[in-house]
């Protein structure tokens, strides 16, 4: 198992220290993806200063939706191959 290291990222103006075995580039790309999703939600008209939590939750919901749709698509493909 690889050694964990502390990695600093900034998401939506907030700094986070993360402990991870993944490399800095990968963790930074995840942080950038999350920030992009949050900015998409902000574009709907939510105030980024007073509604950061709501923006973060809605971004998490969108990311979870994409993940579950991708898993469903993968399962359908695997099932069709196995049939």
C-alpha atoms as a PDB file:
ATOM      1  CA  UNK A   1       0.000   0.000   0.000  1.00  0.00           C
ATOM      2  CA  UNK A   2       1.370   3.438  -0.923  1.00  0.00           C
ATOM      3  CA  UNK A   3       2.167   6.036   1.699  1.00  0.00           C
ATOM      4  CA  UNK A   4      -0.434   8.693   2.395  1.00  0.00           C
ATOM      5  CA  UNK A   5       0.601  12.302   2.009  1.00  0.00           C
ATOM      6  CA  UNK A   6      -1.018  15.631   2.780  1.00  0.00           C
ATOM      7  CA  UNK A   7      -2.252  17.508  -0.279  1.00  0.00           C
ATOM      8  CA  UNK A   8      -3.597  21.055  -0.239  1.00  0.00           C
ATOM      9  CA  UNK A   9      -6.433  22.032  -2.584  1.00  0.00           C
ATOM     10  CA  UNK A  10      -8.650  25.066  -2.918  1.00  0.00           C
ATOM     11  CA  UNK A  11     -12.294  24.554  -3.806  1.00  0.00           C
ATOM     12  CA  UNK A  12     -14.616  27.507  -4.199  1.00  0.00           C
ATOM     13  CA  UNK A  13     -12.368  29.799  -2.184  1.00  0.00           C
ATOM     14  CA  UNK A  14     -11.837  27.350   0.682  1.00  0.00           C
ATOM     15  CA  UNK A  15      -8.542  25.612   1.407  1.00  0.00           C
ATOM     16  CA  UNK A  16      -8.566  21.926   2.315  1.00  0.00           C
ATOM     17  CA  UNK A  17      -5.752  19.677   3.490  1.00  0.00           C
ATOM     18  CA  UNK A  18      -6.437  16.146   2.303  1.00  0.00           C
ATOM     19  CA  UNK A  19      -4.620  12.969   3.262  1.00  0.00           C
ATOM     20  CA  UNK A  20      -4.371  10.678   0.268  1.00  0.00           C
ATOM     21  CA  UNK A  21      -2.319   7.983  -1.373  1.00  0.00           C
ATOM     22  CA  UNK A  22      -3.161   9.469  -4.789  1.00  0.00           C
ATOM     23  CA  UNK A  23      -0.813  11.887  -6.459  1.00  0.00           C
ATOM     24  CA  UNK A  24      -1.189  15.667  -6.357  1.00  0.00           C
ATOM     25  CA  UNK A  25      -2.260  15.921  -9.997  1.00  0.00           C
ATOM     26  CA  UNK A  26      -5.147  13.506  -9.539  1.00  0.00           C
ATOM     27  CA  UNK A  27      -6.396  15.159  -6.347  1.00  0.00           C
ATOM     28  CA  UNK A  28      -6.110  18.598  -7.948  1.00  0.00           C
ATOM     29  CA  UNK A  29      -8.169  17.407 -10.936  1.00  0.00           C
ATOM     30  CA  UNK A  30     -10.886  16.153  -8.581  1.00  0.00           C
ATOM     31  CA  UNK A  31     -10.926  19.498  -6.762  1.00  0.00           C
ATOM     32  CA  UNK A  32     -11.145  21.346 -10.081  1.00  0.00           C
ATOM     33  CA  UNK A  33     -14.050  19.123 -11.183  1.00  0.00           C
ATOM     34  CA  UNK A  34     -15.943  19.809  -7.933  1.00  0.00           C
ATOM     35  CA  UNK A  35     -15.339  23.550  -8.260  1.00  0.00           C
ATOM     36  CA  UNK A  36     -16.588  23.518 -11.867  1.00  0.00           C
ATOM     37  CA  UNK A  37     -19.780  21.753 -10.747  1.00  0.00           C
ATOM     38  CA  UNK A  38     -20.265  24.327  -7.986  1.00  0.00           C
ATOM     39  CA  UNK A  39     -19.800  27.169 -10.460  1.00  0.00           C
ATOM     40  CA  UNK A  40     -22.415  25.581 -12.745  1.00  0.00           C
ATOM     41  CA  UNK A  41     -24.879  25.720  -9.849  1.00  0.00           C
ATOM     42  CA  UNK A  42     -23.874  29.295  -9.056  1.00  0.00           C
ATOM     43  CA  UNK A  43     -24.758  30.234 -12.644  1.00  0.00           C
ATOM     44  CA  UNK A  44     -28.394  29.410 -11.871  1.00  0.00           C
ATOM     45  CA  UNK A  45     -28.536  32.593  -9.792  1.00  0.00           C
ATOM     46  CA  UNK A  46     -27.670  31.428  -6.298  1.00  0.00           C
ATOM     47  CA  UNK A  47     -25.588  33.906  -4.287  1.00  0.00           C
ATOM     48  CA  UNK A  48     -22.100  32.474  -3.868  1.00  0.00           C
ATOM     49  CA  UNK A  49     -21.514  34.409  -0.651  1.00  0.00           C
ATOM     50  CA  UNK A  50     -24.606  33.485   1.331  1.00  0.00           C
ATOM     51  CA  UNK A  51     -25.540  30.132  -0.199  1.00  0.00           C
ATOM     52  CA  UNK A  52     -22.267  28.206  -0.401  1.00  0.00           C
ATOM     53  CA  UNK A  53     -23.649  25.201   1.451  1.00  0.00           C
ATOM     54  CA  UNK A  54     -26.677  24.990  -0.843  1.00  0.00           C
ATOM     55  CA  UNK A  55     -24.385  25.284  -3.888  1.00  0.00           C
ATOM     56  CA  UNK A  56     -22.136  22.522  -2.518  1.00  0.00           C
ATOM     57  CA  UNK A  57     -25.079  20.201  -1.794  1.00  0.00           C
ATOM     58  CA  UNK A  58     -26.642  20.742  -5.217  1.00  0.00           C
ATOM     59  CA  UNK A  59     -23.251  20.159  -6.884  1.00  0.00           C
ATOM     60  CA  UNK A  60     -22.876  16.931  -4.869  1.00  0.00           C
ATOM     61  CA  UNK A  61     -26.346  15.853  -6.006  1.00  0.00           C
ATOM     62  CA  UNK A  62     -25.417  16.491  -9.649  1.00  0.00           C
ATOM     63  CA  UNK A  63     -22.144  14.577  -9.286  1.00  0.00           C
ATOM     64  CA  UNK A  64     -23.952  11.674  -7.599  1.00  0.00           C
ATOM     65  CA  UNK A  65     -26.536  11.659 -10.402  1.00  0.00           C
ATOM     66  CA  UNK A  66     -23.783  11.450 -13.031  1.00  0.00           C
ATOM     67  CA  UNK A  67     -22.098   8.628 -11.101  1.00  0.00           C
ATOM     68  CA  UNK A  68     -25.281   6.602 -10.712  1.00  0.00           C
ATOM     69  CA  UNK A  69     -26.194   7.062 -14.378  1.00  0.00           C
ATOM     70  CA  UNK A  70     -22.693   5.916 -15.388  1.00  0.00           C
ATOM     71  CA  UNK A  71     -22.965   2.853 -13.112  1.00  0.00           C
ATOM     72  CA  UNK A  72     -26.375   2.026 -14.578  1.00  0.00           C
ATOM     73  CA  UNK A  73     -25.019   2.314 -18.121  1.00  0.00           C
ATOM     74  CA  UNK A  74     -22.051   0.105 -17.239  1.00  0.00           C
ATOM     75  CA  UNK A  75     -24.332  -2.491 -15.661  1.00  0.00           C
ATOM     76  CA  UNK A  76     -26.526  -2.554 -18.771  1.00  0.00           C
ATOM     77  CA  UNK A  77     -23.504  -3.051 -21.003  1.00  0.00           C
ATOM     78  CA  UNK A  78     -22.105  -5.823 -18.785  1.00  0.00           C
ATOM     79  CA  UNK A  79     -25.489  -7.557 -18.667  1.00  0.00           C
ATOM     80  CA  UNK A  80     -25.856  -7.390 -22.450  1.00  0.00           C
ATOM     81  CA  UNK A  81     -22.397  -8.858 -22.922  1.00  0.00           C
ATOM     82  CA  UNK A  82     -23.064 -11.652 -20.422  1.00  0.00           C
ATOM     83  CA  UNK A  83     -26.413 -12.530 -22.009  1.00  0.00           C
END
